[in-house]
Amino acid sequence: MPPFLAWGIGRIPICLVGDVLYLVGGVNADEAPPPWPASTMLQALDMNTLEWTMCPPMPEPRVEGLAVAADGKLFVLGGFAEYGHDWPPIENLSSVCSFDPRTATWRAEPDIPRCATEPRLPQGPWPGAWGNGMNAVAHEGKVCVFGIENSPPLALADGVWTGLPSLPDEYCFGYGRKLHNPSASRDPMLGSVPLP
């Protein structure tokens, strides 16, 4: 356990950038009652020396965000500003920031684009706020984001978001049923998707 990690911090995304494992944000559930505020902490474990260090804090607190390594940097996307027992806690953040370990500095990246029209899916057993079910991977220096409600897959490279081809129907399932409109999925489960 990292020496800086306060008791009660949880819901922390982790990401390996080179030989360093990063723990990003989280929430301190020791404060009562909920909702609990998100954290700006960034902690790093050098996998060679097994030593923990505290890095400069994120510009914006977040819990349950996504963390992706691309182009030698740590990208942090989405998440929540606070967390409680309700589901969903609040709407996801659309903000993105990147941490460059070489300079130990943060940079604001463009927000995740939202569609001009965002019709809501019918309320089912799990009501969805924008961004629930969002996932991200790195591919050839790009941060690729999938599973945003009413949005095609997206890629961030050099500070610019671009659209990726829509997912084929055979890759799109949500809550145990096949979805006929991949771009309208709140929470697709992906198999193997070829990226450009």
N, C-alpha and C. Protein backbone atom coordinates (compact mmCIF):
# COMPACT_ATOMS: atom_id res chain seq x y z
N MET A 1 0.85 -1.18 0.00
CA MET A 1 0.00 0.00 0.00
C MET A 1 0.89 1.23 0.00
N PRO A 2 0.58 2.21 -0.85
CA PRO A 2 1.43 3.40 -0.88
C PRO A 2 1.41 4.15 0.43
N PRO A 3 2.53 4.75 0.84
CA PRO A 3 2.56 5.45 2.13
C PRO A 3 1.65 6.66 2.17
N PHE A 4 1.30 7.24 1.01
CA PHE A 4 0.50 8.46 0.99
C PHE A 4 -0.99 8.16 0.93
N LEU A 5 -1.35 6.91 0.70
CA LEU A 5 -2.74 6.55 0.46
C LEU A 5 -3.52 6.56 1.78
N ALA A 6 -4.38 7.55 1.93
CA ALA A 6 -5.15 7.67 3.16
C ALA A 6 -6.18 6.55 3.26
N TRP A 7 -6.49 6.13 4.47
CA TRP A 7 -7.52 5.13 4.68
C TRP A 7 -8.84 5.64 4.11
N GLY A 8 -9.53 4.78 3.41
CA GLY A 8 -10.83 5.15 2.87
C GLY A 8 -10.78 5.61 1.42
N ILE A 9 -9.59 5.87 0.88
CA ILE A 9 -9.52 6.25 -0.52
C ILE A 9 -9.83 5.02 -1.37
N GLY A 10 -10.66 5.17 -2.34
CA GLY A 10 -11.02 4.04 -3.17
C GLY A 10 -11.43 4.48 -4.56
N ARG A 11 -11.82 3.50 -5.39
CA ARG A 11 -12.27 3.74 -6.76
C ARG A 11 -11.22 4.49 -7.55
N ILE A 12 -10.00 3.93 -7.53
CA ILE A 12 -8.83 4.58 -8.12
C ILE A 12 -8.46 3.89 -9.43
N PRO A 13 -8.44 4.61 -10.54
CA PRO A 13 -7.90 4.02 -11.75
C PRO A 13 -6.39 3.89 -11.64
N ILE A 14 -5.84 2.85 -12.26
CA ILE A 14 -4.40 2.65 -12.27
C ILE A 14 -3.94 2.51 -13.71
N CYS A 15 -2.68 2.86 -13.95
CA CYS A 15 -2.15 2.79 -15.30
C CYS A 15 -0.63 2.67 -15.24
N LEU A 16 -0.08 1.85 -16.10
CA LEU A 16 1.36 1.68 -16.20
C LEU A 16 1.88 2.51 -17.37
N VAL A 17 2.81 3.43 -17.08
CA VAL A 17 3.47 4.23 -18.11
C VAL A 17 4.96 3.89 -18.02
N GLY A 18 5.46 3.17 -18.99
CA GLY A 18 6.83 2.69 -18.90
C GLY A 18 6.96 1.73 -17.73
N ASP A 19 7.86 2.03 -16.83
CA ASP A 19 8.08 1.19 -15.64
C ASP A 19 7.47 1.78 -14.38
N VAL A 20 6.53 2.71 -14.54
CA VAL A 20 5.93 3.37 -13.38
C VAL A 20 4.42 3.13 -13.37
N LEU A 21 3.92 2.64 -12.24
CA LEU A 21 2.50 2.40 -12.04
C LEU A 21 1.90 3.63 -11.35
N TYR A 22 0.86 4.21 -11.96
CA TYR A 22 0.23 5.41 -11.40
C TYR A 22 -1.14 5.08 -10.82
N LEU A 23 -1.43 5.63 -9.65
CA LEU A 23 -2.76 5.60 -9.04
C LEU A 23 -3.32 7.01 -9.16
N VAL A 24 -4.52 7.12 -9.74
CA VAL A 24 -5.05 8.41 -10.15
C VAL A 24 -6.32 8.75 -9.39
N GLY A 25 -6.30 9.85 -8.64
CA GLY A 25 -7.51 10.34 -7.99
C GLY A 25 -8.06 9.38 -6.96
N GLY A 26 -9.37 9.20 -6.97
CA GLY A 26 -10.04 8.36 -6.00
C GLY A 26 -11.01 9.19 -5.18
N VAL A 27 -11.47 8.61 -4.09
CA VAL A 27 -12.41 9.30 -3.22
C VAL A 27 -12.11 8.94 -1.78
N ASN A 28 -12.25 9.90 -0.88
CA ASN A 28 -12.03 9.65 0.53
C ASN A 28 -13.39 9.43 1.18
N ALA A 29 -13.71 8.16 1.44
CA ALA A 29 -15.01 7.81 1.99
C ALA A 29 -15.05 7.91 3.50
N ASP A 30 -13.98 8.41 4.13
CA ASP A 30 -13.99 8.60 5.58
C ASP A 30 -14.91 9.74 5.99
N GLU A 31 -15.10 10.69 5.07
CA GLU A 31 -15.98 11.80 5.38
C GLU A 31 -17.42 11.34 5.27
N ALA A 32 -18.25 11.77 6.19
CA ALA A 32 -19.64 11.34 6.15
C ALA A 32 -20.52 12.57 6.23
N PRO A 33 -21.71 12.56 5.74
CA PRO A 33 -22.32 11.53 4.90
C PRO A 33 -21.94 11.75 3.44
N PRO A 34 -22.29 10.79 2.55
CA PRO A 34 -22.03 11.00 1.14
C PRO A 34 -22.91 12.13 0.62
N PRO A 35 -22.57 12.74 -0.52
CA PRO A 35 -21.51 12.34 -1.44
C PRO A 35 -20.13 12.72 -0.93
N TRP A 36 -19.14 11.92 -1.32
CA TRP A 36 -17.77 12.15 -0.91
C TRP A 36 -17.02 12.85 -2.02
N PRO A 37 -16.15 13.80 -1.68
CA PRO A 37 -15.41 14.52 -2.73
C PRO A 37 -14.33 13.65 -3.36
N ALA A 38 -14.09 13.88 -4.64
CA ALA A 38 -13.02 13.18 -5.35
C ALA A 38 -11.68 13.80 -4.98
N SER A 39 -10.63 13.07 -5.31
CA SER A 39 -9.27 13.49 -4.97
C SER A 39 -8.52 13.95 -6.22
N THR A 40 -7.51 14.78 -6.02
CA THR A 40 -6.62 15.20 -7.10
C THR A 40 -5.28 14.46 -7.03
N MET A 41 -5.15 13.51 -6.12
CA MET A 41 -3.86 12.85 -5.91
C MET A 41 -3.40 12.06 -7.13
N LEU A 42 -2.10 12.09 -7.35
CA LEU A 42 -1.44 11.22 -8.33
C LEU A 42 -0.23 10.63 -7.62
N GLN A 43 -0.23 9.31 -7.49
CA GLN A 43 0.86 8.61 -6.81
C GLN A 43 1.51 7.65 -7.79
N ALA A 44 2.81 7.47 -7.64
CA ALA A 44 3.55 6.66 -8.60
C ALA A 44 4.40 5.62 -7.87
N LEU A 45 4.38 4.39 -8.40
CA LEU A 45 5.22 3.32 -7.89
C LEU A 45 6.21 2.93 -8.99
N ASP A 46 7.48 3.16 -8.72
CA ASP A 46 8.53 2.74 -9.64
C ASP A 46 8.65 1.23 -9.54
N MET A 47 8.35 0.52 -10.61
CA MET A 47 8.32 -0.94 -10.57
C MET A 47 9.72 -1.55 -10.49
N ASN A 48 10.76 -0.76 -10.74
CA ASN A 48 12.13 -1.26 -10.61
C ASN A 48 12.64 -1.14 -9.19
N THR A 49 12.36 0.00 -8.54
CA THR A 49 12.86 0.22 -7.18
C THR A 49 11.82 -0.07 -6.11
N LEU A 50 10.55 -0.21 -6.53
CA LEU A 50 9.41 -0.41 -5.62
C LEU A 50 9.28 0.73 -4.61
N GLU A 51 9.60 1.94 -5.05
CA GLU A 51 9.46 3.13 -4.22
C GLU A 51 8.29 3.98 -4.71
N TRP A 52 7.50 4.46 -3.74
CA TRP A 52 6.35 5.31 -4.03
C TRP A 52 6.78 6.77 -3.99
N THR A 53 6.21 7.59 -4.87
CA THR A 53 6.38 9.04 -4.81
C THR A 53 5.04 9.70 -5.04
N MET A 54 4.90 10.89 -4.48
CA MET A 54 3.71 11.70 -4.71
C MET A 54 4.03 12.64 -5.87
N CYS A 55 3.18 12.65 -6.88
CA CYS A 55 3.37 13.49 -8.06
C CYS A 55 2.54 14.76 -7.92
N PRO A 56 2.75 15.74 -8.80
CA PRO A 56 1.91 16.94 -8.76
C PRO A 56 0.43 16.55 -8.91
N PRO A 57 -0.45 17.19 -8.15
CA PRO A 57 -1.88 16.82 -8.20
C PRO A 57 -2.51 17.15 -9.56
N MET A 58 -3.56 16.39 -9.86
CA MET A 58 -4.32 16.66 -11.08
C MET A 58 -4.95 18.05 -11.00
N PRO A 59 -5.19 18.69 -12.14
CA PRO A 59 -5.83 20.01 -12.12
C PRO A 59 -7.28 19.97 -11.66
N GLU A 60 -7.90 18.79 -11.71
CA GLU A 60 -9.33 18.66 -11.37
C GLU A 60 -9.53 17.36 -10.62
N PRO A 61 -10.25 17.37 -9.50
CA PRO A 61 -10.48 16.12 -8.78
C PRO A 61 -11.38 15.19 -9.58
N ARG A 62 -11.13 13.87 -9.46
CA ARG A 62 -12.00 12.90 -10.12
C ARG A 62 -11.87 11.54 -9.45
N VAL A 63 -12.96 10.81 -9.51
CA VAL A 63 -13.03 9.44 -9.01
C VAL A 63 -13.62 8.59 -10.13
N GLU A 64 -13.19 7.33 -10.23
CA GLU A 64 -13.66 6.41 -11.27
C GLU A 64 -13.43 6.94 -12.68
N GLY A 65 -12.36 7.69 -12.87
CA GLY A 65 -12.01 8.12 -14.21
C GLY A 65 -11.33 6.98 -14.96
N LEU A 66 -10.94 7.24 -16.18
CA LEU A 66 -10.18 6.28 -16.97
C LEU A 66 -8.75 6.77 -17.06
N ALA A 67 -7.81 5.85 -17.00
CA ALA A 67 -6.39 6.19 -17.12
C ALA A 67 -5.79 5.35 -18.23
N VAL A 68 -5.12 6.01 -19.17
CA VAL A 68 -4.55 5.35 -20.35
C VAL A 68 -3.15 5.91 -20.60
N ALA A 69 -2.22 5.02 -20.94
CA ALA A 69 -0.87 5.44 -21.32
C ALA A 69 -0.79 5.52 -22.84
N ALA A 70 -0.39 6.68 -23.34
CA ALA A 70 -0.21 6.86 -24.78
C ALA A 70 0.88 7.89 -25.01
N ASP A 71 1.75 7.60 -25.96
CA ASP A 71 2.80 8.54 -26.34
C ASP A 71 3.68 8.93 -25.15
N GLY A 72 3.92 7.99 -24.23
CA GLY A 72 4.77 8.25 -23.07
C GLY A 72 4.12 9.09 -21.99
N LYS A 73 2.82 9.36 -22.11
CA LYS A 73 2.11 10.20 -21.14
C LYS A 73 0.96 9.42 -20.51
N LEU A 74 0.48 9.92 -19.40
CA LEU A 74 -0.69 9.39 -18.71
C LEU A 74 -1.87 10.29 -19.05
N PHE A 75 -2.90 9.72 -19.66
CA PHE A 75 -4.12 10.47 -19.98
C PHE A 75 -5.21 10.06 -18.99
N VAL A 76 -5.90 11.05 -18.44
CA VAL A 76 -6.97 10.80 -17.48
C VAL A 76 -8.25 11.40 -18.06
N LEU A 77 -9.28 10.56 -18.17
CA LEU A 77 -10.52 10.96 -18.83
C LEU A 77 -11.72 10.69 -17.94
N GLY A 78 -12.73 11.54 -18.06
CA GLY A 78 -14.02 11.28 -17.43
C GLY A 78 -13.93 11.14 -15.92
N GLY A 79 -14.80 10.30 -15.39
CA GLY A 79 -14.91 10.13 -13.95
C GLY A 79 -15.95 11.07 -13.37
N PHE A 80 -15.93 11.18 -12.06
CA PHE A 80 -16.90 12.00 -11.34
C PHE A 80 -16.18 12.96 -10.41
N ALA A 81 -16.81 14.10 -10.10
CA ALA A 81 -16.25 15.07 -9.17
C ALA A 81 -16.53 14.68 -7.72
N GLU A 82 -17.51 13.82 -7.54
CA GLU A 82 -17.85 13.31 -6.19
C GLU A 82 -18.49 11.95 -6.35
N TYR A 83 -18.64 11.24 -5.24
CA TYR A 83 -19.19 9.90 -5.32
C TYR A 83 -20.09 9.64 -4.12
N GLY A 84 -21.21 8.95 -4.38
CA GLY A 84 -22.13 8.59 -3.31
C GLY A 84 -22.66 7.20 -3.52
N HIS A 85 -23.74 6.87 -2.85
CA HIS A 85 -24.32 5.54 -2.97
C HIS A 85 -25.30 5.43 -4.13
N ASP A 86 -25.74 6.56 -4.67
CA ASP A 86 -26.70 6.53 -5.78
C ASP A 86 -26.01 6.08 -7.05
N TRP A 87 -26.74 5.43 -7.93
CA TRP A 87 -26.21 5.06 -9.23
C TRP A 87 -27.09 5.63 -10.32
N PRO A 88 -26.59 6.38 -11.27
CA PRO A 88 -25.22 6.87 -11.29
C PRO A 88 -25.05 8.00 -10.29
N PRO A 89 -23.81 8.21 -9.78
CA PRO A 89 -23.62 9.24 -8.77
C PRO A 89 -23.98 10.63 -9.28
N ILE A 90 -23.41 11.04 -10.35
CA ILE A 90 -23.73 12.28 -11.06
C ILE A 90 -23.28 12.06 -12.48
N GLU A 91 -23.47 13.04 -13.34
CA GLU A 91 -23.01 12.88 -14.70
C GLU A 91 -21.48 12.85 -14.75
N ASN A 92 -20.96 12.03 -15.66
CA ASN A 92 -19.52 11.94 -15.85
C ASN A 92 -18.94 13.28 -16.27
N LEU A 93 -17.68 13.50 -15.89
CA LEU A 93 -16.93 14.64 -16.39
C LEU A 93 -16.56 14.37 -17.85
N SER A 94 -16.56 15.39 -18.67
CA SER A 94 -16.11 15.23 -20.04
C SER A 94 -14.67 15.72 -20.22
N SER A 95 -14.08 16.20 -19.15
CA SER A 95 -12.74 16.77 -19.23
C SER A 95 -11.67 15.69 -19.35
N VAL A 96 -10.54 16.07 -19.95
CA VAL A 96 -9.40 15.19 -20.16
C VAL A 96 -8.14 15.98 -19.81
N CYS A 97 -7.20 15.33 -19.16
CA CYS A 97 -5.90 15.95 -18.92
C CYS A 97 -4.82 14.90 -19.11
N SER A 98 -3.61 15.36 -19.36
CA SER A 98 -2.49 14.44 -19.55
C SER A 98 -1.35 14.85 -18.64
N PHE A 99 -0.62 13.85 -18.16
CA PHE A 99 0.54 14.06 -17.29
C PHE A 99 1.77 13.55 -18.03
N ASP A 100 2.77 14.41 -18.16
CA ASP A 100 4.02 14.02 -18.80
C ASP A 100 5.04 13.70 -17.72
N PRO A 101 5.38 12.43 -17.52
CA PRO A 101 6.33 12.07 -16.47
C PRO A 101 7.72 12.68 -16.66
N ARG A 102 8.08 12.98 -17.92
CA ARG A 102 9.42 13.54 -18.18
C ARG A 102 9.57 14.94 -17.62
N THR A 103 8.48 15.71 -17.62
CA THR A 103 8.52 17.08 -17.10
C THR A 103 7.73 17.25 -15.81
N ALA A 104 7.05 16.20 -15.39
CA ALA A 104 6.18 16.23 -14.19
C ALA A 104 5.16 17.36 -14.26
N THR A 105 4.57 17.53 -15.45
CA THR A 105 3.57 18.59 -15.62
C THR A 105 2.28 18.03 -16.20
N TRP A 106 1.19 18.70 -15.85
CA TRP A 106 -0.14 18.38 -16.38
C TRP A 106 -0.48 19.32 -17.53
N ARG A 107 -1.28 18.84 -18.45
CA ARG A 107 -1.76 19.66 -19.56
C ARG A 107 -3.25 19.37 -19.75
N ALA A 108 -4.03 20.42 -19.94
CA ALA A 108 -5.46 20.25 -20.26
C ALA A 108 -5.57 19.82 -21.71
N GLU A 109 -6.33 18.76 -21.96
CA GLU A 109 -6.61 18.29 -23.32
C GLU A 109 -8.04 18.68 -23.66
N PRO A 110 -8.41 18.63 -24.93
CA PRO A 110 -9.79 18.96 -25.29
C PRO A 110 -10.78 18.00 -24.62
N ASP A 111 -11.92 18.54 -24.19
CA ASP A 111 -12.97 17.72 -23.59
C ASP A 111 -13.42 16.65 -24.58
N ILE A 112 -13.94 15.55 -24.04
CA ILE A 112 -14.52 14.51 -24.88
C ILE A 112 -15.73 15.12 -25.58
N PRO A 113 -15.81 15.05 -26.89
CA PRO A 113 -16.93 15.68 -27.60
C PRO A 113 -18.26 15.03 -27.24
N ARG A 114 -19.27 15.84 -27.18
CA ARG A 114 -20.64 15.36 -27.01
C ARG A 114 -21.38 15.57 -28.31
N CYS A 115 -22.26 14.65 -28.62
CA CYS A 115 -23.06 14.81 -29.83
C CYS A 115 -23.95 16.03 -29.71
N ALA A 116 -24.29 16.63 -30.86
CA ALA A 116 -25.16 17.80 -30.85
C ALA A 116 -26.50 17.48 -30.23
N THR A 117 -27.01 16.29 -30.49
CA THR A 117 -28.25 15.85 -29.87
C THR A 117 -27.94 14.60 -29.07
N GLU A 118 -28.39 14.56 -27.87
CA GLU A 118 -28.14 13.41 -27.01
C GLU A 118 -29.44 12.84 -26.49
N PRO A 119 -30.22 12.17 -27.34
CA PRO A 119 -31.45 11.57 -26.83
C PRO A 119 -31.13 10.53 -25.78
N ARG A 120 -31.93 10.47 -24.77
CA ARG A 120 -31.71 9.52 -23.68
C ARG A 120 -32.28 8.16 -24.06
N LEU A 121 -31.60 7.13 -23.63
CA LEU A 121 -32.15 5.79 -23.80
C LEU A 121 -33.29 5.61 -22.81
N PRO A 122 -34.26 4.74 -23.11
CA PRO A 122 -35.31 4.48 -22.15
C PRO A 122 -34.72 4.01 -20.83
N GLN A 123 -35.30 4.45 -19.74
CA GLN A 123 -34.79 4.06 -18.43
C GLN A 123 -35.03 2.58 -18.20
N GLY A 124 -33.97 1.85 -17.96
CA GLY A 124 -34.06 0.42 -17.70
C GLY A 124 -33.65 0.15 -16.26
N PRO A 125 -33.14 -1.04 -16.01
CA PRO A 125 -32.74 -1.35 -14.64
C PRO A 125 -31.56 -0.51 -14.17
N TRP A 126 -30.73 0.02 -15.11
CA TRP A 126 -29.62 0.87 -14.75
C TRP A 126 -29.73 2.17 -15.52
N PRO A 127 -30.25 3.22 -14.90
CA PRO A 127 -30.33 4.49 -15.62
C PRO A 127 -28.92 4.98 -15.93
N GLY A 128 -28.75 5.61 -17.06
CA GLY A 128 -27.41 6.00 -17.47
C GLY A 128 -27.25 7.48 -17.62
N ALA A 129 -26.23 8.02 -16.98
CA ALA A 129 -25.82 9.38 -17.24
C ALA A 129 -24.82 9.36 -18.38
N TRP A 130 -24.60 10.51 -19.00
CA TRP A 130 -23.65 10.58 -20.10
C TRP A 130 -22.30 10.04 -19.63
N GLY A 131 -21.71 9.17 -20.45
CA GLY A 131 -20.37 8.67 -20.16
C GLY A 131 -20.32 7.37 -19.38
N ASN A 132 -21.44 6.93 -18.79
CA ASN A 132 -21.41 5.64 -18.11
C ASN A 132 -21.14 4.56 -19.14
N GLY A 133 -20.27 3.64 -18.82
CA GLY A 133 -19.92 2.58 -19.75
C GLY A 133 -18.79 2.95 -20.68
N MET A 134 -18.25 4.16 -20.54
CA MET A 134 -17.14 4.60 -21.38
C MET A 134 -15.88 3.80 -21.03
N ASN A 135 -15.15 3.40 -22.06
CA ASN A 135 -13.88 2.70 -21.89
C ASN A 135 -12.86 3.32 -22.82
N ALA A 136 -11.59 3.17 -22.49
CA ALA A 136 -10.53 3.76 -23.31
C ALA A 136 -9.35 2.81 -23.41
N VAL A 137 -8.70 2.84 -24.56
CA VAL A 137 -7.48 2.08 -24.80
C VAL A 137 -6.52 2.99 -25.58
N ALA A 138 -5.24 2.61 -25.57
CA ALA A 138 -4.24 3.32 -26.38
C ALA A 138 -3.95 2.49 -27.62
N HIS A 139 -3.75 3.18 -28.74
CA HIS A 139 -3.41 2.51 -29.99
C HIS A 139 -2.55 3.45 -30.82
N GLU A 140 -1.30 3.07 -31.05
CA GLU A 140 -0.38 3.84 -31.87
C GLU A 140 -0.35 5.32 -31.49
N GLY A 141 -0.21 5.59 -30.19
CA GLY A 141 -0.12 6.96 -29.70
C GLY A 141 -1.43 7.69 -29.57
N LYS A 142 -2.55 7.06 -29.92
CA LYS A 142 -3.87 7.68 -29.80
C LYS A 142 -4.57 7.13 -28.57
N VAL A 143 -5.44 7.95 -27.97
CA VAL A 143 -6.34 7.50 -26.92
C VAL A 143 -7.68 7.26 -27.59
N CYS A 144 -8.14 6.01 -27.61
CA CYS A 144 -9.39 5.64 -28.26
C CYS A 144 -10.45 5.39 -27.21
N VAL A 145 -11.61 6.01 -27.40
CA VAL A 145 -12.70 5.95 -26.42
C VAL A 145 -13.91 5.28 -27.06
N PHE A 146 -14.48 4.33 -26.34
CA PHE A 146 -15.64 3.57 -26.81
C PHE A 146 -16.74 3.62 -25.76
N GLY A 147 -17.97 3.39 -26.18
CA GLY A 147 -19.07 3.18 -25.24
C GLY A 147 -19.73 4.43 -24.73
N ILE A 148 -19.54 5.57 -25.39
CA ILE A 148 -20.23 6.79 -24.97
C ILE A 148 -21.60 6.79 -25.61
N GLU A 149 -22.60 7.04 -24.80
CA GLU A 149 -23.97 7.03 -25.30
C GLU A 149 -24.14 7.96 -26.48
N ASN A 150 -24.76 7.44 -27.54
CA ASN A 150 -25.08 8.20 -28.75
C ASN A 150 -23.87 8.80 -29.45
N SER A 151 -22.73 8.14 -29.34
CA SER A 151 -21.52 8.66 -29.97
C SER A 151 -20.76 7.52 -30.64
N PRO A 152 -20.16 7.79 -31.79
CA PRO A 152 -19.28 6.78 -32.37
C PRO A 152 -18.01 6.69 -31.53
N PRO A 153 -17.22 5.65 -31.71
CA PRO A 153 -15.91 5.62 -31.05
C PRO A 153 -15.10 6.85 -31.48
N LEU A 154 -14.24 7.31 -30.57
CA LEU A 154 -13.47 8.53 -30.81
C LEU A 154 -11.99 8.27 -30.55
N ALA A 155 -11.12 9.08 -31.16
CA ALA A 155 -9.69 8.98 -30.92
C ALA A 155 -9.13 10.38 -30.68
N LEU A 156 -8.25 10.49 -29.67
CA LEU A 156 -7.56 11.74 -29.35
C LEU A 156 -6.09 11.57 -29.70
N ALA A 157 -5.57 12.45 -30.56
CA ALA A 157 -4.15 12.46 -30.90
C ALA A 157 -3.73 13.90 -31.17
N ASP A 158 -2.61 14.30 -30.62
CA ASP A 158 -2.07 15.66 -30.82
C ASP A 158 -3.10 16.73 -30.50
N GLY A 159 -3.90 16.52 -29.46
CA GLY A 159 -4.85 17.53 -29.01
C GLY A 159 -6.09 17.66 -29.86
N VAL A 160 -6.37 16.66 -30.72
CA VAL A 160 -7.55 16.73 -31.60
C VAL A 160 -8.33 15.43 -31.51
N TRP A 161 -9.66 15.55 -31.32
CA TRP A 161 -10.55 14.38 -31.33
C TRP A 161 -11.01 14.12 -32.76
N THR A 162 -11.01 12.86 -33.17
CA THR A 162 -11.57 12.46 -34.46
C THR A 162 -12.47 11.25 -34.24
N GLY A 163 -13.43 11.08 -35.14
CA GLY A 163 -14.31 9.93 -35.06
C GLY A 163 -13.66 8.70 -35.65
N LEU A 164 -13.96 7.55 -35.08
CA LEU A 164 -13.55 6.26 -35.61
C LEU A 164 -14.77 5.61 -36.25
N PRO A 165 -14.57 4.61 -37.09
CA PRO A 165 -15.75 3.93 -37.66
C PRO A 165 -16.63 3.35 -36.57
N SER A 166 -17.93 3.35 -36.82
CA SER A 166 -18.86 2.75 -35.87
C SER A 166 -18.54 1.27 -35.69
N LEU A 167 -18.85 0.76 -34.52
CA LEU A 167 -18.59 -0.64 -34.24
C LEU A 167 -19.55 -1.53 -35.03
N PRO A 168 -19.07 -2.65 -35.55
CA PRO A 168 -19.98 -3.58 -36.22
C PRO A 168 -20.97 -4.16 -35.21
N ASP A 169 -22.14 -4.52 -35.69
CA ASP A 169 -23.18 -5.05 -34.80
C ASP A 169 -22.69 -6.22 -33.96
N GLU A 170 -21.83 -7.09 -34.54
CA GLU A 170 -21.45 -8.29 -33.79
C GLU A 170 -20.61 -7.98 -32.55
N TYR A 171 -20.12 -6.73 -32.42
CA TYR A 171 -19.34 -6.37 -31.25
C TYR A 171 -20.17 -5.68 -30.19
N CYS A 172 -21.42 -5.41 -30.47
CA CYS A 172 -22.21 -4.56 -29.57
C CYS A 172 -23.28 -5.34 -28.85
N PHE A 173 -23.09 -5.46 -27.56
CA PHE A 173 -24.07 -6.07 -26.68
C PHE A 173 -24.21 -5.18 -25.47
N GLY A 174 -25.36 -5.08 -24.93
CA GLY A 174 -25.58 -4.28 -23.74
C GLY A 174 -26.57 -4.96 -22.83
N TYR A 175 -26.18 -5.18 -21.60
CA TYR A 175 -27.05 -5.78 -20.59
C TYR A 175 -27.69 -7.07 -21.09
N GLY A 176 -26.88 -7.89 -21.79
CA GLY A 176 -27.34 -9.21 -22.20
C GLY A 176 -28.19 -9.24 -23.45
N ARG A 177 -28.33 -8.13 -24.16
CA ARG A 177 -29.11 -8.15 -25.39
C ARG A 177 -28.31 -7.51 -26.51
N LYS A 178 -28.57 -7.94 -27.73
CA LYS A 178 -27.89 -7.36 -28.88
C LYS A 178 -28.49 -6.00 -29.18
N LEU A 179 -27.64 -5.05 -29.47
CA LEU A 179 -28.10 -3.71 -29.79
C LEU A 179 -28.00 -3.52 -31.30
N HIS A 180 -29.04 -3.01 -31.90
CA HIS A 180 -29.05 -2.85 -33.35
C HIS A 180 -28.45 -1.53 -33.78
N ASN A 181 -28.29 -0.60 -32.87
CA ASN A 181 -27.68 0.69 -33.19
C ASN A 181 -26.45 0.86 -32.31
N PRO A 182 -25.26 0.48 -32.81
CA PRO A 182 -24.07 0.54 -31.97
C PRO A 182 -23.80 1.90 -31.37
N SER A 183 -24.10 2.98 -32.09
CA SER A 183 -23.78 4.30 -31.56
C SER A 183 -24.75 4.73 -30.47
N ALA A 184 -25.81 3.96 -30.24
CA ALA A 184 -26.76 4.31 -29.19
C ALA A 184 -26.55 3.47 -27.94
N SER A 185 -25.46 2.74 -27.88
CA SER A 185 -25.23 1.87 -26.73
C SER A 185 -24.71 2.65 -25.55
N ARG A 186 -25.28 2.39 -24.39
CA ARG A 186 -24.76 2.99 -23.17
C ARG A 186 -23.54 2.23 -22.68
N ASP A 187 -23.53 0.92 -22.84
CA ASP A 187 -22.50 0.11 -22.20
C ASP A 187 -22.15 -1.09 -23.05
N PRO A 188 -21.53 -0.89 -24.22
CA PRO A 188 -21.21 -2.05 -25.04
C PRO A 188 -20.07 -2.86 -24.45
N MET A 189 -20.13 -4.16 -24.62
CA MET A 189 -19.03 -5.02 -24.24
C MET A 189 -18.30 -5.37 -25.52
N LEU A 190 -17.02 -5.07 -25.58
CA LEU A 190 -16.28 -5.23 -26.82
C LEU A 190 -15.48 -6.51 -26.82
N GLY A 191 -15.40 -7.12 -27.99
CA GLY A 191 -14.48 -8.21 -28.17
C GLY A 191 -13.20 -7.64 -28.75
N SER A 192 -12.85 -8.05 -29.95
CA SER A 192 -11.66 -7.56 -30.62
C SER A 192 -12.10 -6.69 -31.79
N VAL A 193 -11.71 -5.44 -31.76
CA VAL A 193 -12.14 -4.49 -32.78
C VAL A 193 -10.90 -3.97 -33.50
N PRO A 194 -10.78 -4.17 -34.81
CA PRO A 194 -9.62 -3.62 -35.53
C PRO A 194 -9.69 -2.10 -35.58
N LEU A 195 -8.58 -1.45 -35.27
CA LEU A 195 -8.52 0.01 -35.29
C LEU A 195 -7.68 0.47 -36.48
N PRO A 196 -8.01 1.65 -37.03
CA PRO A 196 -7.24 2.16 -38.17
C PRO A 196 -5.84 2.58 -37.72
